[in-house]
Amino acid sequence: MNALQATEEIAEPLGTVGMMFYFSPQSAERAKPLDMDVVALYAAGRGGVLGDRTADEIDDIFFFFKPGMITQMVENARSKASREVGVGAHLDAAKDYADATFGGIDETVLNDFSAAVKSLAATLPAGQWPIVDGYLALEVPSTPRHEAYYWAIIMRELRGGVHTNAVKAAGLSASESCQLDRGGAFFALHGYSDDDKVEETEELIATRAAAEADTTAREAALLQVLDDAQLAALVAGARAMADAVNNPVPAYITCLGLVGTNDLGLSPLGGQGAGTPTPSTAQDEGRGDGKDCSGQRTREVDPKCSELEGHQIRSETTSKVHRSTRDWRTPETCQRDVATDP
């Protein structure tokens, strides 16, 4: 397997996996104590990793959303909690989601995936993709499933950043790119309306397709630093996590052999990908001293214009969240997911 083949293999799986926790039941639980909904927590977390930038600066970085949309979301989130608290809850939700989903994956697969992405990350140029830089500045989690999910999130952000570069190089506007992504399925979710639509000419369609191909080529060039074994590990981990999104296994089941009840305070929900650890049991860095299934303490911090990348949310519960927030006209109801356009 070469770098281009690996890039093509991981694009869709990691595009889905890396954003699944954004509007998940786990995020909803983490948002409650902050008087936030999942939309506000998304802005607080994904925008928060960008540091002390102004809301307008964050809005610019979230390129594919309609100008001003992210500004409103970030300002709303900042009115409810500090940046540090918001990022912490965002990362806690990512770990909770990993606990609820990736319990059935062999730790060797997760560890090899993490090692491959870590090697890649060490070669990435700083200052190219601010959201990638933001997540990379966080402490890497130590539990295998948490660490692998952290790196999956970063891989999704990396493709999103590369895609932004490719779209800009092609001379496409953010709205044009969103309109032509997956038949405009996520156009409105990025804050656009019919008034923002343009005529879909053959030339424009071809330009958008070329930008997508250029994204893959650019990302493949970055992956050239990995050897065959690392590329294979990258693909295997991406596939395993994507499969788990469709067929989640909570970590406590595999650790304790329990079904339907547990000693960790985890409460699985019905539906695909809906197993939900109670937030208070997922203790984190600087927040408590929860233990993993082996009894060892865990110390970790998990971590983009939420690009739906054309990847549909597979969790039934999460899908309901999307449907209920489809009108993003106010800070309270503005979610910002990006399809293939970060």
C-alpha atoms as a PDB file:
ATOM      1  CA  MET A   1       0.000   0.000   0.000  1.00  0.00           C
ATOM      2  CA  ASN A   2       1.325   3.427  -0.922  1.00  0.00           C
ATOM      3  CA  ALA A   3       0.575   6.814   0.621  1.00  0.00           C
ATOM      4  CA  LEU A   4      -2.048   7.729  -1.972  1.00  0.00           C
ATOM      5  CA  GLN A   5      -3.929   4.481  -1.470  1.00  0.00           C
ATOM      6  CA  ALA A   6      -3.826   4.896   2.284  1.00  0.00           C
ATOM      7  CA  THR A   7      -5.080   8.466   2.012  1.00  0.00           C
ATOM      8  CA  GLU A   8      -8.009   7.352  -0.106  1.00  0.00           C
ATOM      9  CA  GLU A   9      -8.777   4.562   2.366  1.00  0.00           C
ATOM     10  CA  ILE A  10      -8.831   6.730   5.483  1.00  0.00           C
ATOM     11  CA  ALA A  11     -10.513   9.880   4.153  1.00  0.00           C
ATOM     12  CA  GLU A  12     -14.115   8.902   4.712  1.00  0.00           C
ATOM     13  CA  PRO A  13     -13.719   6.719   7.823  1.00  0.00           C
ATOM     14  CA  LEU A  14     -11.715   9.285   9.754  1.00  0.00           C
ATOM     15  CA  GLY A  15     -13.870  12.111   8.459  1.00  0.00           C
ATOM     16  CA  THR A  16     -16.767  10.407  10.200  1.00  0.00           C
ATOM     17  CA  VAL A  17     -15.028   9.069  13.273  1.00  0.00           C
ATOM     18  CA  GLY A  18     -13.293  12.319  14.160  1.00  0.00           C
ATOM     19  CA  MET A  19     -16.485  14.324  14.414  1.00  0.00           C
ATOM     20  CA  MET A  20     -18.887  11.794  15.908  1.00  0.00           C
ATOM     21  CA  PHE A  21     -18.589  13.100  19.448  1.00  0.00           C
ATOM     22  CA  TYR A  22     -19.421  16.711  18.583  1.00  0.00           C
ATOM     23  CA  PHE A  23     -23.194  16.400  18.949  1.00  0.00           C
ATOM     24  CA  SER A  24     -23.298  13.076  20.756  1.00  0.00           C
ATOM     25  CA  PRO A  25     -25.158  12.211  23.954  1.00  0.00           C
ATOM     26  CA  GLN A  26     -21.785  12.336  25.668  1.00  0.00           C
ATOM     27  CA  SER A  27     -21.308  15.960  24.618  1.00  0.00           C
ATOM     28  CA  ALA A  28     -24.845  16.758  25.708  1.00  0.00           C
ATOM     29  CA  GLU A  29     -24.058  15.442  29.187  1.00  0.00           C
ATOM     30  CA  ARG A  30     -20.789  17.344  29.408  1.00  0.00           C
ATOM     31  CA  ALA A  31     -22.530  20.542  28.263  1.00  0.00           C
ATOM     32  CA  LYS A  32     -25.268  20.480  30.890  1.00  0.00           C
ATOM     33  CA  PRO A  33     -23.229  21.602  33.912  1.00  0.00           C
ATOM     34  CA  LEU A  34     -22.007  24.577  31.872  1.00  0.00           C
ATOM     35  CA  ASP A  35     -25.549  25.607  30.920  1.00  0.00           C
ATOM     36  CA  MET A  36     -24.636  24.859  27.299  1.00  0.00           C
ATOM     37  CA  ASP A  37     -26.105  22.730  24.557  1.00  0.00           C
ATOM     38  CA  VAL A  38     -23.968  20.630  22.225  1.00  0.00           C
ATOM     39  CA  VAL A  39     -23.676  23.501  19.767  1.00  0.00           C
ATOM     40  CA  ALA A  40     -22.214  25.845  22.342  1.00  0.00           C
ATOM     41  CA  LEU A  41     -19.863  23.134  23.593  1.00  0.00           C
ATOM     42  CA  TYR A  42     -18.701  22.501  20.034  1.00  0.00           C
ATOM     43  CA  ALA A  43     -17.819  26.191  19.670  1.00  0.00           C
ATOM     44  CA  ALA A  44     -16.250  26.321  23.120  1.00  0.00           C
ATOM     45  CA  GLY A  45     -14.107  23.281  22.446  1.00  0.00           C
ATOM     46  CA  ARG A  46     -13.144  23.241  18.816  1.00  0.00           C
ATOM     47  CA  GLY A  47     -12.895  26.995  18.763  1.00  0.00           C
ATOM     48  CA  GLY A  48     -11.228  27.007  22.165  1.00  0.00           C
ATOM     49  CA  VAL A  49      -8.229  24.952  21.062  1.00  0.00           C
ATOM     50  CA  LEU A  50      -7.307  27.970  18.926  1.00  0.00           C
ATOM     51  CA  GLY A  51      -6.256  29.797  22.067  1.00  0.00           C
ATOM     52  CA  ASP A  52      -6.893  33.427  22.888  1.00  0.00           C
ATOM     53  CA  ARG A  53      -7.909  34.466  19.404  1.00  0.00           C
ATOM     54  CA  THR A  54     -10.915  36.752  19.057  1.00  0.00           C
ATOM     55  CA  ALA A  55     -14.247  35.311  18.002  1.00  0.00           C
ATOM     56  CA  ASP A  56     -13.858  37.002  14.615  1.00  0.00           C
ATOM     57  CA  GLU A  57     -10.432  35.451  14.117  1.00  0.00           C
ATOM     58  CA  ILE A  58     -11.845  32.015  14.905  1.00  0.00           C
ATOM     59  CA  ASP A  59     -14.669  32.691  12.456  1.00  0.00           C
ATOM     60  CA  ASP A  60     -12.084  33.300   9.707  1.00  0.00           C
ATOM     61  CA  ILE A  61     -10.307  30.038  10.489  1.00  0.00           C
ATOM     62  CA  PHE A  62     -13.580  28.120  10.281  1.00  0.00           C
ATOM     63  CA  PHE A  63     -13.473  28.966   6.594  1.00  0.00           C
ATOM     64  CA  PHE A  64     -16.413  27.009   5.240  1.00  0.00           C
ATOM     65  CA  PHE A  65     -19.110  28.511   7.421  1.00  0.00           C
ATOM     66  CA  LYS A  66     -20.976  31.633   6.461  1.00  0.00           C
ATOM     67  CA  PRO A  67     -19.084  34.661   7.803  1.00  0.00           C
ATOM     68  CA  GLY A  68     -20.281  35.691  11.246  1.00  0.00           C
ATOM     69  CA  MET A  69     -21.834  32.376  12.168  1.00  0.00           C
ATOM     70  CA  ILE A  70     -18.948  31.065  14.241  1.00  0.00           C
ATOM     71  CA  THR A  71     -18.449  34.500  15.795  1.00  0.00           C
ATOM     72  CA  GLN A  72     -21.931  34.247  17.311  1.00  0.00           C
ATOM     73  CA  MET A  73     -21.372  30.697  18.483  1.00  0.00           C
ATOM     74  CA  VAL A  74     -18.038  31.448  20.139  1.00  0.00           C
ATOM     75  CA  GLU A  75     -19.330  34.579  21.840  1.00  0.00           C
ATOM     76  CA  ASN A  76     -22.275  32.603  23.186  1.00  0.00           C
ATOM     77  CA  ALA A  77     -20.010  29.861  24.499  1.00  0.00           C
ATOM     78  CA  ARG A  78     -17.637  32.350  26.122  1.00  0.00           C
ATOM     79  CA  SER A  79     -20.539  33.949  27.960  1.00  0.00           C
ATOM     80  CA  LYS A  80     -21.112  30.659  29.744  1.00  0.00           C
ATOM     81  CA  ALA A  81     -17.645  29.344  30.560  1.00  0.00           C
ATOM     82  CA  SER A  82     -13.973  30.152  30.292  1.00  0.00           C
ATOM     83  CA  ARG A  83     -11.995  28.862  27.338  1.00  0.00           C
ATOM     84  CA  GLU A  84     -10.138  26.389  29.533  1.00  0.00           C
ATOM     85  CA  VAL A  85     -13.330  24.956  30.994  1.00  0.00           C
ATOM     86  CA  GLY A  86     -14.972  24.716  27.570  1.00  0.00           C
ATOM     87  CA  VAL A  87     -12.011  22.922  26.026  1.00  0.00           C
ATOM     88  CA  GLY A  88     -11.833  20.590  28.998  1.00  0.00           C
ATOM     89  CA  ALA A  89     -15.484  19.586  28.666  1.00  0.00           C
ATOM     90  CA  HIS A  90     -15.061  19.152  24.890  1.00  0.00           C
ATOM     91  CA  LEU A  91     -12.152  16.797  25.454  1.00  0.00           C
ATOM     92  CA  ASP A  92     -13.949  14.951  28.220  1.00  0.00           C
ATOM     93  CA  ALA A  93     -16.810  14.325  25.786  1.00  0.00           C
ATOM     94  CA  ALA A  94     -14.360  12.878  23.270  1.00  0.00           C
ATOM     95  CA  LYS A  95     -13.051  10.441  25.871  1.00  0.00           C
ATOM     96  CA  ASP A  96     -16.565   9.560  26.962  1.00  0.00           C
ATOM     97  CA  TYR A  97     -17.472   8.818  23.362  1.00  0.00           C
ATOM     98  CA  ALA A  98     -14.384   6.630  22.942  1.00  0.00           C
ATOM     99  CA  ASP A  99     -15.298   4.724  26.104  1.00  0.00           C
ATOM    100  CA  ALA A 100     -18.822   4.179  24.831  1.00  0.00           C
ATOM    101  CA  THR A 101     -17.737   3.055  21.376  1.00  0.00           C
ATOM    102  CA  PHE A 102     -14.265   1.557  21.018  1.00  0.00           C
ATOM    103  CA  GLY A 103     -14.272  -1.089  23.753  1.00  0.00           C
ATOM    104  CA  GLY A 104     -14.315  -3.917  21.254  1.00  0.00           C
ATOM    105  CA  ILE A 105     -11.204  -2.870  19.321  1.00  0.00           C
ATOM    106  CA  ASP A 106      -7.966  -4.746  19.926  1.00  0.00           C
ATOM    107  CA  GLU A 107      -5.607  -2.428  21.783  1.00  0.00           C
ATOM    108  CA  THR A 108      -2.782  -3.423  19.452  1.00  0.00           C
ATOM    109  CA  VAL A 109      -4.745  -1.954  16.536  1.00  0.00           C
ATOM    110  CA  LEU A 110      -5.353   1.237  18.490  1.00  0.00           C
ATOM    111  CA  ASN A 111      -1.749   1.534  19.653  1.00  0.00           C
ATOM    112  CA  ASP A 112      -0.318   0.933  16.169  1.00  0.00           C
ATOM    113  CA  PHE A 113      -2.689   3.537  14.727  1.00  0.00           C
ATOM    114  CA  SER A 114      -1.633   6.041  17.373  1.00  0.00           C
ATOM    115  CA  ALA A 115       2.049   5.370  16.796  1.00  0.00           C
ATOM    116  CA  ALA A 116       1.665   5.921  13.051  1.00  0.00           C
ATOM    117  CA  VAL A 117      -0.187   9.224  13.446  1.00  0.00           C
ATOM    118  CA  LYS A 118       2.244  10.385  16.112  1.00  0.00           C
ATOM    119  CA  SER A 119       5.115   9.801  13.681  1.00  0.00           C
ATOM    120  CA  LEU A 120       3.269  11.749  11.009  1.00  0.00           C
ATOM    121  CA  ALA A 121       2.427  14.590  13.390  1.00  0.00           C
ATOM    122  CA  ALA A 122       6.085  15.043  14.260  1.00  0.00           C
ATOM    123  CA  THR A 123       6.779  15.958  10.629  1.00  0.00           C
ATOM    124  CA  LEU A 124       3.922  18.419  10.101  1.00  0.00           C
ATOM    125  CA  PRO A 125       4.859  22.073   9.592  1.00  0.00           C
ATOM    126  CA  ALA A 126       3.680  24.356  12.372  1.00  0.00           C
ATOM    127  CA  GLY A 127       1.526  27.341  11.481  1.00  0.00           C
ATOM    128  CA  GLN A 128      -0.130  25.793   8.428  1.00  0.00           C
ATOM    129  CA  TRP A 129      -3.355  24.570   9.995  1.00  0.00           C
ATOM    130  CA  PRO A 130      -4.284  26.386  13.239  1.00  0.00           C
ATOM    131  CA  ILE A 131      -6.836  23.867  14.455  1.00  0.00           C
ATOM    132  CA  VAL A 132      -4.377  21.015  13.984  1.00  0.00           C
ATOM    133  CA  ASP A 133      -1.793  23.033  15.916  1.00  0.00           C
ATOM    134  CA  GLY A 134      -4.353  23.651  18.650  1.00  0.00           C
ATOM    135  CA  TYR A 135      -5.124  19.993  19.217  1.00  0.00           C
ATOM    136  CA  LEU A 136      -1.457  19.028  18.983  1.00  0.00           C
ATOM    137  CA  ALA A 137      -0.693  21.476  21.801  1.00  0.00           C
ATOM    138  CA  LEU A 138      -2.858  19.424  24.168  1.00  0.00           C
ATOM    139  CA  GLU A 139      -1.523  16.607  26.298  1.00  0.00           C
ATOM    140  CA  VAL A 140      -1.770  13.254  24.551  1.00  0.00           C
ATOM    141  CA  PRO A 141      -4.054  10.814  26.385  1.00  0.00           C
ATOM    142  CA  SER A 142      -2.550   7.644  27.819  1.00  0.00           C
ATOM    143  CA  THR A 143      -5.405   5.149  27.597  1.00  0.00           C
ATOM    144  CA  PRO A 144      -5.217   3.374  24.196  1.00  0.00           C
ATOM    145  CA  ARG A 145      -8.788   4.102  23.083  1.00  0.00           C
ATOM    146  CA  HIS A 146      -8.559   7.735  24.212  1.00  0.00           C
ATOM    147  CA  GLU A 147      -5.202   8.245  22.535  1.00  0.00           C
ATOM    148  CA  ALA A 148      -6.344   6.644  19.279  1.00  0.00           C
ATOM    149  CA  TYR A 149      -9.440   8.853  19.236  1.00  0.00           C
ATOM    150  CA  TYR A 150      -7.329  11.934  19.906  1.00  0.00           C
ATOM    151  CA  TRP A 151      -5.177  11.088  16.870  1.00  0.00           C
ATOM    152  CA  ALA A 152      -8.275  10.307  14.775  1.00  0.00           C
ATOM    153  CA  ILE A 153      -9.595  13.789  15.562  1.00  0.00           C
ATOM    154  CA  ILE A 154      -6.270  15.285  14.517  1.00  0.00           C
ATOM    155  CA  MET A 155      -6.274  13.319  11.251  1.00  0.00           C
ATOM    156  CA  ARG A 156      -9.724  14.660  10.475  1.00  0.00           C
ATOM    157  CA  GLU A 157      -8.565  18.181  11.222  1.00  0.00           C
ATOM    158  CA  LEU A 158      -5.493  17.673   9.047  1.00  0.00           C
ATOM    159  CA  ARG A 159      -7.543  16.709   6.002  1.00  0.00           C
ATOM    160  CA  GLY A 160      -9.843  19.632   6.692  1.00  0.00           C
ATOM    161  CA  GLY A 161      -6.937  22.036   6.772  1.00  0.00           C
ATOM    162  CA  VAL A 162      -5.441  20.599   3.608  1.00  0.00           C
ATOM    163  CA  HIS A 163      -8.851  20.758   1.952  1.00  0.00           C
ATOM    164  CA  THR A 164      -9.181  24.424   2.863  1.00  0.00           C
ATOM    165  CA  ASN A 165      -5.855  25.078   1.143  1.00  0.00           C
ATOM    166  CA  ALA A 166      -6.951  23.160  -1.959  1.00  0.00           C
ATOM    167  CA  VAL A 167     -10.293  24.974  -2.202  1.00  0.00           C
ATOM    168  CA  LYS A 168      -8.646  28.374  -1.875  1.00  0.00           C
ATOM    169  CA  ALA A 169      -6.022  27.427  -4.457  1.00  0.00           C
ATOM    170  CA  ALA A 170      -8.814  26.455  -6.852  1.00  0.00           C
ATOM    171  CA  GLY A 171     -10.372  29.898  -6.503  1.00  0.00           C
ATOM    172  CA  LEU A 172     -13.606  28.562  -5.019  1.00  0.00           C
ATOM    173  CA  SER A 173     -15.542  30.449  -2.386  1.00  0.00           C
ATOM    174  CA  ALA A 174     -16.598  28.702   0.794  1.00  0.00           C
ATOM    175  CA  SER A 175     -20.258  28.805  -0.206  1.00  0.00           C
ATOM    176  CA  GLU A 176     -19.556  27.422  -3.689  1.00  0.00           C
ATOM    177  CA  SER A 177     -17.600  24.562  -2.223  1.00  0.00           C
ATOM    178  CA  CYS A 178     -20.315  23.757   0.317  1.00  0.00           C
ATOM    179  CA  GLN A 179     -23.041  23.969  -2.323  1.00  0.00           C
ATOM    180  CA  LEU A 180     -21.263  21.448  -4.505  1.00  0.00           C
ATOM    181  CA  ASP A 181     -20.348  19.076  -1.701  1.00  0.00           C
ATOM    182  CA  ARG A 182     -22.643  16.033  -1.570  1.00  0.00           C
ATOM    183  CA  GLY A 183     -25.301  17.777  -3.581  1.00  0.00           C
ATOM    184  CA  GLY A 184     -25.483  20.649  -1.115  1.00  0.00           C
ATOM    185  CA  ALA A 185     -26.668  18.347   1.667  1.00  0.00           C
ATOM    186  CA  PHE A 186     -24.968  20.463   4.331  1.00  0.00           C
ATOM    187  CA  PHE A 187     -25.254  23.873   2.685  1.00  0.00           C
ATOM    188  CA  ALA A 188     -27.878  25.175   5.114  1.00  0.00           C
ATOM    189  CA  LEU A 189     -26.041  23.689   8.104  1.00  0.00           C
ATOM    190  CA  HIS A 190     -23.151  25.985   7.305  1.00  0.00           C
ATOM    191  CA  GLY A 191     -25.423  28.987   7.573  1.00  0.00           C
ATOM    192  CA  TYR A 192     -26.154  29.494   3.892  1.00  0.00           C
ATOM    193  CA  SER A 193     -29.543  30.078   2.273  1.00  0.00           C
ATOM    194  CA  ASP A 194     -30.931  29.921  -1.248  1.00  0.00           C
ATOM    195  CA  ASP A 195     -29.852  33.535  -1.711  1.00  0.00           C
ATOM    196  CA  ASP A 196     -26.232  32.359  -1.458  1.00  0.00           C
ATOM    197  CA  LYS A 197     -26.509  29.747  -4.208  1.00  0.00           C
ATOM    198  CA  VAL A 198     -24.827  30.094  -7.585  1.00  0.00           C
ATOM    199  CA  GLU A 199     -25.450  28.465 -10.923  1.00  0.00           C
ATOM    200  CA  GLU A 200     -23.858  25.025 -10.993  1.00  0.00           C
ATOM    201  CA  THR A 201     -22.029  25.176 -14.287  1.00  0.00           C
ATOM    202  CA  GLU A 202     -19.977  22.320 -15.689  1.00  0.00           C
ATOM    203  CA  GLU A 203     -16.860  24.375 -15.133  1.00  0.00           C
ATOM    204  CA  LEU A 204     -17.693  25.015 -11.474  1.00  0.00           C
ATOM    205  CA  ILE A 205     -18.514  21.367 -10.842  1.00  0.00           C
ATOM    206  CA  ALA A 206     -15.241  20.299 -12.448  1.00  0.00           C
ATOM    207  CA  THR A 207     -13.317  22.824 -10.359  1.00  0.00           C
ATOM    208  CA  ARG A 208     -14.862  21.500  -7.150  1.00  0.00           C
ATOM    209  CA  ALA A 209     -14.018  17.910  -8.117  1.00  0.00           C
ATOM    210  CA  ALA A 210     -10.462  18.926  -8.921  1.00  0.00           C
ATOM    211  CA  ALA A 211     -10.156  20.570  -5.496  1.00  0.00           C
ATOM    212  CA  GLU A 212     -11.213  17.323  -3.846  1.00  0.00           C
ATOM    213  CA  ALA A 213      -8.635  15.380  -5.828  1.00  0.00           C
ATOM    214  CA  ASP A 214      -6.013  17.973  -4.959  1.00  0.00           C
ATOM    215  CA  THR A 215      -6.904  17.546  -1.278  1.00  0.00           C
ATOM    216  CA  THR A 216      -6.165  13.841  -1.483  1.00  0.00           C
ATOM    217  CA  ALA A 217      -2.911  14.426  -3.367  1.00  0.00           C
ATOM    218  CA  ARG A 218      -1.760  17.011  -0.815  1.00  0.00           C
ATOM    219  CA  GLU A 219      -2.563  14.763   2.100  1.00  0.00           C
ATOM    220  CA  ALA A 220      -0.862  11.795   0.425  1.00  0.00           C
ATOM    221  CA  ALA A 221       2.294  13.878   0.058  1.00  0.00           C
ATOM    222  CA  LEU A 222       2.307  14.354   3.828  1.00  0.00           C
ATOM    223  CA  LEU A 223       1.863  10.634   4.429  1.00  0.00           C
ATOM    224  CA  GLN A 224       4.940   9.834   2.340  1.00  0.00           C
ATOM    225  CA  VAL A 225       7.009   9.918   5.546  1.00  0.00           C
ATOM    226  CA  LEU A 226       5.315   6.731   6.785  1.00  0.00           C
ATOM    227  CA  ASP A 227       6.549   3.271   5.861  1.00  0.00           C
ATOM    228  CA  ASP A 228       4.353   0.428   4.617  1.00  0.00           C
ATOM    229  CA  ALA A 229       3.697  -0.942   8.082  1.00  0.00           C
ATOM    230  CA  GLN A 230       2.694   2.470   9.415  1.00  0.00           C
ATOM    231  CA  LEU A 231       0.379   3.091   6.463  1.00  0.00           C
ATOM    232  CA  ALA A 232      -1.215  -0.290   7.026  1.00  0.00           C
ATOM    233  CA  ALA A 233      -1.659   0.515  10.733  1.00  0.00           C
ATOM    234  CA  LEU A 234      -3.249   3.832   9.841  1.00  0.00           C
ATOM    235  CA  VAL A 235      -5.768   2.145   7.567  1.00  0.00           C
ATOM    236  CA  ALA A 236      -6.496  -0.683   9.989  1.00  0.00           C
ATOM    237  CA  GLY A 237      -7.140   1.707  12.858  1.00  0.00           C
ATOM    238  CA  ALA A 238      -9.374   3.936  10.757  1.00  0.00           C
ATOM    239  CA  ARG A 239     -11.427   0.958   9.597  1.00  0.00           C
ATOM    240  CA  ALA A 240     -11.745  -0.473  13.091  1.00  0.00           C
ATOM    241  CA  MET A 241     -12.941   2.797  14.598  1.00  0.00           C
ATOM    242  CA  ALA A 242     -15.368   3.404  11.734  1.00  0.00           C
ATOM    243  CA  ASP A 243     -16.787  -0.086  12.196  1.00  0.00           C
ATOM    244  CA  ALA A 244     -17.153   0.589  15.908  1.00  0.00           C
ATOM    245  CA  VAL A 245     -19.165   3.731  15.211  1.00  0.00           C
ATOM    246  CA  ASN A 246     -21.719   1.474  13.530  1.00  0.00           C
ATOM    247  CA  ASN A 247     -21.379  -1.328  16.091  1.00  0.00           C
ATOM    248  CA  PRO A 248     -20.250   0.276  19.355  1.00  0.00           C
ATOM    249  CA  VAL A 249     -18.995  -1.744  22.291  1.00  0.00           C
ATOM    250  CA  PRO A 250     -18.724   0.189  25.577  1.00  0.00           C
ATOM    251  CA  ALA A 251     -15.361  -0.260  27.259  1.00  0.00           C
ATOM    252  CA  TYR A 252     -16.825  -1.588  30.497  1.00  0.00           C
ATOM    253  CA  ILE A 253     -18.382  -4.559  28.702  1.00  0.00           C
ATOM    254  CA  THR A 254     -15.091  -5.803  27.350  1.00  0.00           C
ATOM    255  CA  CYS A 255     -13.210  -4.999  30.560  1.00  0.00           C
ATOM    256  CA  LEU A 256     -15.649  -6.485  33.042  1.00  0.00           C
ATOM    257  CA  GLY A 257     -17.644  -8.914  30.932  1.00  0.00           C
ATOM    258  CA  LEU A 258     -20.860  -7.168  31.907  1.00  0.00           C
ATOM    259  CA  VAL A 259     -23.918  -6.586  29.797  1.00  0.00           C
ATOM    260  CA  GLY A 260     -26.685  -4.193  30.765  1.00  0.00           C
ATOM    261  CA  THR A 261     -25.208  -3.221  34.135  1.00  0.00           C
ATOM    262  CA  ASN A 262     -21.788  -2.234  35.383  1.00  0.00           C
ATOM    263  CA  ASP A 263     -19.703  -1.040  38.308  1.00  0.00           C
ATOM    264  CA  LEU A 264     -18.343   2.055  36.586  1.00  0.00           C
ATOM    265  CA  GLY A 265     -21.498   4.115  36.469  1.00  0.00           C
ATOM    266  CA  LEU A 266     -21.745   3.841  32.691  1.00  0.00           C
ATOM    267  CA  SER A 267     -25.182   3.988  31.173  1.00  0.00           C
ATOM    268  CA  PRO A 268     -25.537   2.710  27.592  1.00  0.00           C
ATOM    269  CA  LEU A 269     -28.302   4.224  25.506  1.00  0.00           C
ATOM    270  CA  GLY A 270     -30.223   2.448  22.819  1.00  0.00           C
ATOM    271  CA  GLY A 271     -29.382   2.939  19.168  1.00  0.00           C
ATOM    272  CA  GLN A 272     -26.222   2.835  17.157  1.00  0.00           C
ATOM    273  CA  GLY A 273     -23.231   4.511  18.716  1.00  0.00           C
ATOM    274  CA  ALA A 274     -25.256   5.639  21.689  1.00  0.00           C
ATOM    275  CA  GLY A 275     -23.588   3.935  24.628  1.00  0.00           C
ATOM    276  CA  THR A 276     -23.012   6.814  27.032  1.00  0.00           C
ATOM    277  CA  PRO A 277     -20.647   6.884  29.996  1.00  0.00           C
ATOM    278  CA  THR A 278     -21.839   9.084  32.812  1.00  0.00           C
ATOM    279  CA  PRO A 279     -19.543  12.143  32.643  1.00  0.00           C
ATOM    280  CA  SER A 280     -18.776  12.100  36.353  1.00  0.00           C
ATOM    281  CA  THR A 281     -17.092   8.709  36.002  1.00  0.00           C
ATOM    282  CA  ALA A 282     -14.740   9.771  33.232  1.00  0.00           C
ATOM    283  CA  GLN A 283     -12.249  11.556  35.447  1.00  0.00           C
ATOM    284  CA  ASP A 284      -9.518  13.529  33.753  1.00  0.00           C
ATOM    285  CA  GLU A 285      -6.312  15.360  34.093  1.00  0.00           C
ATOM    286  CA  GLY A 286      -6.565  17.793  36.950  1.00  0.00           C
ATOM    287  CA  ARG A 287     -10.204  16.938  37.522  1.00  0.00           C
ATOM    288  CA  GLY A 288     -10.194  13.861  39.677  1.00  0.00           C
ATOM    289  CA  ASP A 289      -8.846  10.386  39.998  1.00  0.00           C
ATOM    290  CA  GLY A 290     -11.072   7.999  38.132  1.00  0.00           C
ATOM    291  CA  LYS A 291      -9.661   4.638  37.232  1.00  0.00           C
ATOM    292  CA  ASP A 292      -9.785   2.616  34.065  1.00  0.00           C
ATOM    293  CA  CYS A 293     -10.873  -1.032  33.948  1.00  0.00           C
ATOM    294  CA  SER A 294      -7.454  -2.295  34.954  1.00  0.00           C
ATOM    295  CA  GLY A 295      -7.549  -0.179  38.106  1.00  0.00           C
ATOM    296  CA  GLN A 296      -4.872   2.175  36.893  1.00  0.00           C
ATOM    297  CA  ARG A 297      -5.492   5.885  37.107  1.00  0.00           C
ATOM    298  CA  THR A 298      -5.946   7.665  33.816  1.00  0.00           C
ATOM    299  CA  ARG A 299      -4.480  11.081  33.119  1.00  0.00           C
ATOM    300  CA  GLU A 300      -5.348  12.449  29.741  1.00  0.00           C
ATOM    301  CA  VAL A 301      -6.676  15.240  27.643  1.00  0.00           C
ATOM    302  CA  ASP A 302      -8.378  14.541  24.394  1.00  0.00           C
ATOM    303  CA  PRO A 303      -9.045  17.076  21.976  1.00  0.00           C
ATOM    304  CA  LYS A 304     -12.434  21.891  13.158  1.00  0.00           C
ATOM    305  CA  CYS A 305     -15.082  23.935  11.412  1.00  0.00           C
ATOM    306  CA  SER A 306     -16.962  20.602  12.101  1.00  0.00           C
ATOM    307  CA  GLU A 307     -16.803  19.318   8.691  1.00  0.00           C
ATOM    308  CA  LEU A 308     -19.384  16.679   8.133  1.00  0.00           C
ATOM    309  CA  GLU A 309     -17.234  15.806   5.116  1.00  0.00           C
ATOM    310  CA  GLY A 310     -20.296  14.425   3.570  1.00  0.00           C
ATOM    311  CA  HIS A 311     -20.194  11.802   6.225  1.00  0.00           C
ATOM    312  CA  GLN A 312     -23.530  11.254   7.828  1.00  0.00           C
ATOM    313  CA  ILE A 313     -23.836  10.911  11.528  1.00  0.00           C
ATOM    314  CA  ARG A 314     -24.609   7.300  12.203  1.00  0.00           C
ATOM    315  CA  SER A 315     -25.754   7.584  15.788  1.00  0.00           C
ATOM    316  CA  GLU A 316     -29.537   7.661  15.916  1.00  0.00           C
ATOM    317  CA  THR A 317     -29.416   9.888  18.952  1.00  0.00           C
ATOM    318  CA  THR A 318     -26.901  12.202  17.367  1.00  0.00           C
ATOM    319  CA  SER A 319     -29.010  12.435  14.230  1.00  0.00           C
ATOM    320  CA  LYS A 320     -31.871  13.663  16.360  1.00  0.00           C
ATOM    321  CA  VAL A 321     -29.614  16.374  17.711  1.00  0.00           C
ATOM    322  CA  HIS A 322     -28.826  17.488  14.172  1.00  0.00           C
ATOM    323  CA  ARG A 323     -32.466  17.551  13.190  1.00  0.00           C
ATOM    324  CA  SER A 324     -33.414  19.591  16.223  1.00  0.00           C
ATOM    325  CA  THR A 325     -30.763  22.228  15.529  1.00  0.00           C
ATOM    326  CA  ARG A 326     -31.093  22.485  11.797  1.00  0.00           C
ATOM    327  CA  ASP A 327     -32.016  26.149  11.900  1.00  0.00           C
ATOM    328  CA  TRP A 328     -28.840  27.937  12.911  1.00  0.00           C
ATOM    329  CA  ARG A 329     -30.161  31.471  12.971  1.00  0.00           C
ATOM    330  CA  THR A 330     -29.267  32.192  16.604  1.00  0.00           C
ATOM    331  CA  PRO A 331     -26.235  31.447  18.751  1.00  0.00           C
ATOM    332  CA  GLU A 332     -28.328  28.898  20.654  1.00  0.00           C
ATOM    333  CA  THR A 333     -29.192  26.963  17.522  1.00  0.00           C
ATOM    334  CA  CYS A 334     -26.098  27.458  15.403  1.00  0.00           C
ATOM    335  CA  GLN A 335     -24.126  24.279  14.844  1.00  0.00           C
ATOM    336  CA  ARG A 336     -21.253  24.419  12.548  1.00  0.00           C
ATOM    337  CA  ASP A 337     -20.419  21.220  10.832  1.00  0.00           C
ATOM    338  CA  VAL A 338     -18.493  21.071   7.662  1.00  0.00           C
ATOM    339  CA  ALA A 339     -18.985  18.463   5.045  1.00  0.00           C
ATOM    340  CA  THR A 340     -15.998  17.705   2.852  1.00  0.00           C
ATOM    341  CA  ASP A 341     -15.390  21.365   3.424  1.00  0.00           C
ATOM    342  CA  PRO A 342     -13.869  21.787   6.896  1.00  0.00           C
END
